[in-house]
Structure formats: structure tokens, C-alpha cells
Amino acid sequence: MLRRLTCAARLPQEFELAKLRQDRQLEGIEKGLGTLREVASAMGEALEHQDVLVDAITEKVSAPGNLRHGGN
């Protein structure tokens, strides 16, 4: 009977420890997601900049008098 009471007394403590571990893991996930959000934002900005450059190059190559297909 004493052993059963000891185990029952430890359950709330073990539950609280498990919740603390889970909270720490969730904080790590949250931090990782924040980093991914920043990387995605930077990639989006880089792609927008590159899109402008590609458009400018396309206009120059497509202008009359320019070679379109790399002729001799």
C-alpha cells in the first residue's frame, strides 16, 4: 500500500516535468519556425530582385538589332 501511495505521489511531479520538457521542445520548434520565416522572406526578396534583372536582360536581348538566339 505504501508503494502505491509513493507512486501516486510521484505522478503529478512526473507530469509537471513532462510538461516542462514539452514546453522547451515547443519553444525550440517556435524558434526554428521563426528562422525559417526569415529565410523565406529573404529568399522572396532575392527572387523579386532577380526577376527585375531578368526582365531588364530580356528587354535588352529582345530589342531590335540585338541577336536573340546567339547567332555568329
PDB file of N, CA and C in Angstrom:
ATOM      1  N   MET A   1       0.817  -1.196   0.000  1.00  0.00           N
ATOM      2  CA  MET A   1       0.000   0.000   0.000  1.00  0.00           C
ATOM      3  C   MET A   1       0.859   1.258   0.000  1.00  0.00           C
ATOM      4  N   LEU A   2       1.925   1.247   0.774  1.00  0.00           N
ATOM      5  CA  LEU A   2       2.813   2.405   0.837  1.00  0.00           C
ATOM      6  C   LEU A   2       3.460   2.661  -0.518  1.00  0.00           C
ATOM      7  N   ARG A   3       3.838   1.582  -1.189  1.00  0.00           N
ATOM      8  CA  ARG A   3       4.461   1.719  -2.511  1.00  0.00           C
ATOM      9  C   ARG A   3       3.492   2.366  -3.500  1.00  0.00           C
ATOM     10  N   ARG A   4       2.231   1.987  -3.444  1.00  0.00           N
ATOM     11  CA  ARG A   4       1.223   2.545  -4.338  1.00  0.00           C
ATOM     12  C   ARG A   4       1.046   4.038  -4.060  1.00  0.00           C
ATOM     13  N   LEU A   5       1.070   4.436  -2.816  1.00  0.00           N
ATOM     14  CA  LEU A   5       0.952   5.857  -2.464  1.00  0.00           C
ATOM     15  C   LEU A   5       2.162   6.643  -2.950  1.00  0.00           C
ATOM     16  N   THR A   6       3.337   6.036  -2.841  1.00  0.00           N
ATOM     17  CA  THR A   6       4.556   6.704  -3.295  1.00  0.00           C
ATOM     18  C   THR A   6       4.501   6.930  -4.797  1.00  0.00           C
ATOM     19  N   CYS A   7       4.063   5.929  -5.532  1.00  0.00           N
ATOM     20  CA  CYS A   7       3.938   6.073  -6.986  1.00  0.00           C
ATOM     21  C   CYS A   7       2.892   7.113  -7.336  1.00  0.00           C
ATOM     22  N   ALA A   8       1.791   7.091  -6.652  1.00  0.00           N
ATOM     23  CA  ALA A   8       0.724   8.058  -6.911  1.00  0.00           C
ATOM     24  C   ALA A   8       1.186   9.475  -6.576  1.00  0.00           C
ATOM     25  N   ALA A   9       2.014   9.616  -5.572  1.00  0.00           N
ATOM     26  CA  ALA A   9       2.519  10.941  -5.193  1.00  0.00           C
ATOM     27  C   ALA A   9       3.500  11.465  -6.231  1.00  0.00           C
ATOM     28  N   ARG A  10       4.203  10.563  -6.912  1.00  0.00           N
ATOM     29  CA  ARG A  10       5.181  10.994  -7.919  1.00  0.00           C
ATOM     30  C   ARG A  10       4.541  11.361  -9.246  1.00  0.00           C
ATOM     31  N   LEU A  11       3.366  10.845  -9.521  1.00  0.00           N
ATOM     32  CA  LEU A  11       2.736  11.095 -10.821  1.00  0.00           C
ATOM     33  C   LEU A  11       2.556  12.575 -11.133  1.00  0.00           C
ATOM     34  N   PRO A  12       2.039  13.398 -10.208  1.00  0.00           N
ATOM     35  CA  PRO A  12       1.917  14.829 -10.541  1.00  0.00           C
ATOM     36  C   PRO A  12       3.268  15.484 -10.833  1.00  0.00           C
ATOM     37  N   GLN A  13       4.292  15.085 -10.096  1.00  0.00           N
ATOM     38  CA  GLN A  13       5.626  15.648 -10.336  1.00  0.00           C
ATOM     39  C   GLN A  13       6.150  15.230 -11.707  1.00  0.00           C
ATOM     40  N   GLU A  14       5.970  13.965 -12.045  1.00  0.00           N
ATOM     41  CA  GLU A  14       6.419  13.479 -13.352  1.00  0.00           C
ATOM     42  C   GLU A  14       5.645  14.152 -14.472  1.00  0.00           C
ATOM     43  N   PHE A  15       4.347  14.378 -14.240  1.00  0.00           N
ATOM     44  CA  PHE A  15       3.531  15.050 -15.240  1.00  0.00           C
ATOM     45  C   PHE A  15       4.027  16.480 -15.460  1.00  0.00           C
ATOM     46  N   GLU A  16       4.329  17.178 -14.392  1.00  0.00           N
ATOM     47  CA  GLU A  16       4.832  18.554 -14.499  1.00  0.00           C
ATOM     48  C   GLU A  16       6.184  18.587 -15.220  1.00  0.00           C
ATOM     49  N   LEU A  17       7.049  17.625 -14.914  1.00  0.00           N
ATOM     50  CA  LEU A  17       8.344  17.560 -15.603  1.00  0.00           C
ATOM     51  C   LEU A  17       8.160  17.294 -17.097  1.00  0.00           C
ATOM     52  N   ALA A  18       7.224  16.414 -17.414  1.00  0.00           N
ATOM     53  CA  ALA A  18       6.951  16.129 -18.828  1.00  0.00           C
ATOM     54  C   ALA A  18       6.418  17.370 -19.533  1.00  0.00           C
ATOM     55  N   LYS A  19       5.561  18.134 -18.850  1.00  0.00           N
ATOM     56  CA  LYS A  19       5.048  19.378 -19.440  1.00  0.00           C
ATOM     57  C   LYS A  19       6.170  20.389 -19.657  1.00  0.00           C
ATOM     58  N   LEU A  20       7.098  20.480 -18.706  1.00  0.00           N
ATOM     59  CA  LEU A  20       8.224  21.404 -18.861  1.00  0.00           C
ATOM     60  C   LEU A  20       9.106  21.003 -20.045  1.00  0.00           C
ATOM     61  N   ARG A  21       9.376  19.703 -20.178  1.00  0.00           N
ATOM     62  CA  ARG A  21      10.171  19.227 -21.327  1.00  0.00           C
ATOM     63  C   ARG A  21       9.459  19.537 -22.635  1.00  0.00           C
ATOM     64  N   GLN A  22       8.158  19.305 -22.654  1.00  0.00           N
ATOM     65  CA  GLN A  22       7.379  19.579 -23.860  1.00  0.00           C
ATOM     66  C   GLN A  22       7.400  21.080 -24.188  1.00  0.00           C
ATOM     67  N   ASP A  23       7.272  21.917 -23.177  1.00  0.00           N
ATOM     68  CA  ASP A  23       7.325  23.371 -23.388  1.00  0.00           C
ATOM     69  C   ASP A  23       8.665  23.793 -23.984  1.00  0.00           C
ATOM     70  N   ARG A  24       9.753  23.218 -23.468  1.00  0.00           N
ATOM     71  CA  ARG A  24      11.084  23.547 -24.014  1.00  0.00           C
ATOM     72  C   ARG A  24      11.201  23.104 -25.464  1.00  0.00           C
ATOM     73  N   GLN A  25      10.663  21.935 -25.765  1.00  0.00           N
ATOM     74  CA  GLN A  25      10.718  21.454 -27.146  1.00  0.00           C
ATOM     75  C   GLN A  25       9.876  22.333 -28.066  1.00  0.00           C
ATOM     76  N   LEU A  26       8.719  22.754 -27.596  1.00  0.00           N
ATOM     77  CA  LEU A  26       7.872  23.637 -28.405  1.00  0.00           C
ATOM     78  C   LEU A  26       8.536  24.996 -28.621  1.00  0.00           C
ATOM     79  N   GLU A  27       9.246  25.483 -27.614  1.00  0.00           N
ATOM     80  CA  GLU A  27       9.980  26.740 -27.783  1.00  0.00           C
ATOM     81  C   GLU A  27      11.063  26.591 -28.847  1.00  0.00           C
ATOM     82  N   GLY A  28      11.718  25.440 -28.884  1.00  0.00           N
ATOM     83  CA  GLY A  28      12.720  25.182 -29.916  1.00  0.00           C
ATOM     84  C   GLY A  28      12.100  25.154 -31.304  1.00  0.00           C
ATOM     85  N   ILE A  29      10.948  24.534 -31.405  1.00  0.00           N
ATOM     86  CA  ILE A  29      10.235  24.493 -32.689  1.00  0.00           C
ATOM     87  C   ILE A  29       9.831  25.896 -33.107  1.00  0.00           C
ATOM     88  N   GLU A  30       9.335  26.683 -32.154  1.00  0.00           N
ATOM     89  CA  GLU A  30       8.934  28.060 -32.450  1.00  0.00           C
ATOM     90  C   GLU A  30      10.122  28.879 -32.957  1.00  0.00           C
ATOM     91  N   LYS A  31      11.263  28.704 -32.322  1.00  0.00           N
ATOM     92  CA  LYS A  31      12.465  29.423 -32.752  1.00  0.00           C
ATOM     93  C   LYS A  31      12.870  28.998 -34.164  1.00  0.00           C
ATOM     94  N   GLY A  32      12.816  27.697 -34.429  1.00  0.00           N
ATOM     95  CA  GLY A  32      13.153  27.190 -35.758  1.00  0.00           C
ATOM     96  C   GLY A  32      12.213  27.723 -36.824  1.00  0.00           C
ATOM     97  N   LEU A  33      10.929  27.790 -36.503  1.00  0.00           N
ATOM     98  CA  LEU A  33       9.961  28.323 -37.463  1.00  0.00           C
ATOM     99  C   LEU A  33      10.196  29.802 -37.728  1.00  0.00           C
ATOM    100  N   GLY A  34      10.596  30.533 -36.696  1.00  0.00           N
ATOM    101  CA  GLY A  34      10.925  31.948 -36.887  1.00  0.00           C
ATOM    102  C   GLY A  34      12.100  32.115 -37.829  1.00  0.00           C
ATOM    103  N   THR A  35      13.106  31.260 -37.656  1.00  0.00           N
ATOM    104  CA  THR A  35      14.273  31.298 -38.542  1.00  0.00           C
ATOM    105  C   THR A  35      13.870  30.975 -39.971  1.00  0.00           C
ATOM    106  N   LEU A  36      13.031  29.943 -40.134  1.00  0.00           N
ATOM    107  CA  LEU A  36      12.565  29.586 -41.482  1.00  0.00           C
ATOM    108  C   LEU A  36      11.781  30.727 -42.122  1.00  0.00           C
ATOM    109  N   ARG A  37      10.975  31.428 -41.310  1.00  0.00           N
ATOM    110  CA  ARG A  37      10.206  32.560 -41.834  1.00  0.00           C
ATOM    111  C   ARG A  37      11.145  33.645 -42.343  1.00  0.00           C
ATOM    112  N   GLU A  38      12.215  33.917 -41.599  1.00  0.00           N
ATOM    113  CA  GLU A  38      13.187  34.931 -42.009  1.00  0.00           C
ATOM    114  C   GLU A  38      13.901  34.521 -43.294  1.00  0.00           C
ATOM    115  N   VAL A  39      14.274  33.252 -43.390  1.00  0.00           N
ATOM    116  CA  VAL A  39      14.949  32.754 -44.590  1.00  0.00           C
ATOM    117  C   VAL A  39      14.013  32.851 -45.794  1.00  0.00           C
ATOM    118  N   ALA A  40      12.764  32.457 -45.601  1.00  0.00           N
ATOM    119  CA  ALA A  40      11.796  32.525 -46.700  1.00  0.00           C
ATOM    120  C   ALA A  40      11.579  33.963 -47.161  1.00  0.00           C
ATOM    121  N   SER A  41      11.532  34.882 -46.227  1.00  0.00           N
ATOM    122  CA  SER A  41      11.359  36.290 -46.577  1.00  0.00           C
ATOM    123  C   SER A  41      12.556  36.801 -47.378  1.00  0.00           C
ATOM    124  N   ALA A  42      13.756  36.452 -46.926  1.00  0.00           N
ATOM    125  CA  ALA A  42      14.965  36.880 -47.642  1.00  0.00           C
ATOM    126  C   ALA A  42      15.004  36.263 -49.040  1.00  0.00           C
ATOM    127  N   MET A  43      14.596  35.003 -49.156  1.00  0.00           N
ATOM    128  CA  MET A  43      14.573  34.361 -50.477  1.00  0.00           C
ATOM    129  C   MET A  43      13.566  35.055 -51.392  1.00  0.00           C
ATOM    130  N   GLY A  44      12.417  35.420 -50.835  1.00  0.00           N
ATOM    131  CA  GLY A  44      11.409  36.116 -51.630  1.00  0.00           C
ATOM    132  C   GLY A  44      11.929  37.448 -52.139  1.00  0.00           C
ATOM    133  N   GLU A  45      12.626  38.191 -51.289  1.00  0.00           N
ATOM    134  CA  GLU A  45      13.202  39.468 -51.706  1.00  0.00           C
ATOM    135  C   GLU A  45      14.253  39.257 -52.789  1.00  0.00           C
ATOM    136  N   ALA A  46      15.086  38.227 -52.639  1.00  0.00           N
ATOM    137  CA  ALA A  46      16.118  37.944 -53.646  1.00  0.00           C
ATOM    138  C   ALA A  46      15.482  37.579 -54.976  1.00  0.00           C
ATOM    139  N   LEU A  47      14.413  36.796 -54.933  1.00  0.00           N
ATOM    140  CA  LEU A  47      13.730  36.416 -56.179  1.00  0.00           C
ATOM    141  C   LEU A  47      13.087  37.621 -56.854  1.00  0.00           C
ATOM    142  N   GLU A  48      12.515  38.521 -56.080  1.00  0.00           N
ATOM    143  CA  GLU A  48      11.940  39.733 -56.666  1.00  0.00           C
ATOM    144  C   GLU A  48      13.024  40.562 -57.352  1.00  0.00           C
ATOM    145  N   HIS A  49      14.177  40.686 -56.713  1.00  0.00           N
ATOM    146  CA  HIS A  49      15.294  41.436 -57.293  1.00  0.00           C
ATOM    147  C   HIS A  49      15.775  40.753 -58.580  1.00  0.00           C
ATOM    148  N   GLN A  50      15.902  39.448 -58.540  1.00  0.00           N
ATOM    149  CA  GLN A  50      16.353  38.719 -59.725  1.00  0.00           C
ATOM    150  C   GLN A  50      15.336  38.802 -60.855  1.00  0.00           C
ATOM    151  N   ASP A  51      14.054  38.836 -60.517  1.00  0.00           N
ATOM    152  CA  ASP A  51      13.007  38.967 -61.533  1.00  0.00           C
ATOM    153  C   ASP A  51      13.154  40.286 -62.284  1.00  0.00           C
ATOM    154  N   VAL A  52      13.464  41.344 -61.547  1.00  0.00           N
ATOM    155  CA  VAL A  52      13.683  42.657 -62.177  1.00  0.00           C
ATOM    156  C   VAL A  52      14.886  42.579 -63.121  1.00  0.00           C
ATOM    157  N   LEU A  53      15.960  41.921 -62.675  1.00  0.00           N
ATOM    158  CA  LEU A  53      17.157  41.793 -63.518  1.00  0.00           C
ATOM    159  C   LEU A  53      16.867  40.970 -64.773  1.00  0.00           C
ATOM    160  N   VAL A  54      16.152  39.877 -64.613  1.00  0.00           N
ATOM    161  CA  VAL A  54      15.817  39.032 -65.765  1.00  0.00           C
ATOM    162  C   VAL A  54      14.955  39.812 -66.755  1.00  0.00           C
ATOM    163  N   ASP A  55      13.995  40.575 -66.255  1.00  0.00           N
ATOM    164  CA  ASP A  55      13.157  41.393 -67.143  1.00  0.00           C
ATOM    165  C   ASP A  55      14.006  42.405 -67.914  1.00  0.00           C
ATOM    166  N   ALA A  56      14.959  43.046 -67.227  1.00  0.00           N
ATOM    167  CA  ALA A  56      15.823  44.025 -67.891  1.00  0.00           C
ATOM    168  C   ALA A  56      16.677  43.357 -68.963  1.00  0.00           C
ATOM    169  N   ILE A  57      17.223  42.203 -68.662  1.00  0.00           N
ATOM    170  CA  ILE A  57      18.038  41.479 -69.654  1.00  0.00           C
ATOM    171  C   ILE A  57      17.176  41.049 -70.825  1.00  0.00           C
ATOM    172  N   THR A  58      15.979  40.567 -70.550  1.00  0.00           N
ATOM    173  CA  THR A  58      15.076  40.136 -71.621  1.00  0.00           C
ATOM    174  C   THR A  58      14.735  41.294 -72.549  1.00  0.00           C
ATOM    175  N   GLU A  59      14.494  42.457 -71.979  1.00  0.00           N
ATOM    176  CA  GLU A  59      14.191  43.627 -72.804  1.00  0.00           C
ATOM    177  C   GLU A  59      15.371  43.996 -73.694  1.00  0.00           C
ATOM    178  N   LYS A  60      16.582  43.943 -73.128  1.00  0.00           N
ATOM    179  CA  LYS A  60      17.764  44.291 -73.910  1.00  0.00           C
ATOM    180  C   LYS A  60      18.005  43.282 -75.026  1.00  0.00           C
ATOM    181  N   VAL A  61      17.836  42.024 -74.742  1.00  0.00           N
ATOM    182  CA  VAL A  61      18.077  40.980 -75.742  1.00  0.00           C
ATOM    183  C   VAL A  61      16.998  41.013 -76.818  1.00  0.00           C
ATOM    184  N   SER A  62      15.780  41.363 -76.432  1.00  0.00           N
ATOM    185  CA  SER A  62      14.664  41.365 -77.374  1.00  0.00           C
ATOM    186  C   SER A  62      14.575  42.644 -78.203  1.00  0.00           C
ATOM    187  N   ALA A  63      15.386  43.641 -77.885  1.00  0.00           N
ATOM    188  CA  ALA A  63      15.333  44.905 -78.608  1.00  0.00           C
ATOM    189  C   ALA A  63      15.746  44.686 -80.065  1.00  0.00           C
ATOM    190  N   PRO A  64      15.141  45.451 -80.998  1.00  0.00           N
ATOM    191  CA  PRO A  64      15.505  45.307 -82.411  1.00  0.00           C
ATOM    192  C   PRO A  64      17.008  45.520 -82.615  1.00  0.00           C
ATOM    193  N   GLY A  65      17.593  44.694 -83.462  1.00  0.00           N
ATOM    194  CA  GLY A  65      19.011  44.824 -83.764  1.00  0.00           C
ATOM    195  C   GLY A  65      19.882  43.960 -82.880  1.00  0.00           C
ATOM    196  N   ASN A  66      19.358  43.399 -81.836  1.00  0.00           N
ATOM    197  CA  ASN A  66      20.129  42.504 -80.958  1.00  0.00           C
ATOM    198  C   ASN A  66      19.942  41.061 -81.398  1.00  0.00           C
ATOM    199  N   LEU A  67      20.939  40.264 -81.186  1.00  0.00           N
ATOM    200  CA  LEU A  67      20.840  38.833 -81.516  1.00  0.00           C
ATOM    201  C   LEU A  67      19.983  38.142 -80.453  1.00  0.00           C
ATOM    202  N   ARG A  68      19.003  37.410 -80.907  1.00  0.00           N
ATOM    203  CA  ARG A  68      18.107  36.733 -79.966  1.00  0.00           C
ATOM    204  C   ARG A  68      18.575  35.324 -79.636  1.00  0.00           C
ATOM    205  N   HIS A  69      19.134  34.634 -80.584  1.00  0.00           N
ATOM    206  CA  HIS A  69      19.429  33.218 -80.377  1.00  0.00           C
ATOM    207  C   HIS A  69      20.921  32.929 -80.450  1.00  0.00           C
ATOM    208  N   GLY A  70      21.753  33.858 -80.158  1.00  0.00           N
ATOM    209  CA  GLY A  70      23.191  33.623 -80.107  1.00  0.00           C
ATOM    210  C   GLY A  70      23.798  33.274 -81.448  1.00  0.00           C
ATOM    211  N   GLY A  71      23.411  33.956 -82.486  1.00  0.00           N
ATOM    212  CA  GLY A  71      23.974  33.691 -83.816  1.00  0.00           C
ATOM    213  C   GLY A  71      25.433  34.103 -83.909  1.00  0.00           C
ATOM    214  N   ASN A  72      26.074  33.811 -85.038  1.00  0.00           N
ATOM    215  CA  ASN A  72      27.507  34.130 -85.229  1.00  0.00           C
ATOM    216  C   ASN A  72      27.725  35.570 -85.411  1.00  0.00           C
TER     217      ASN A  72
END
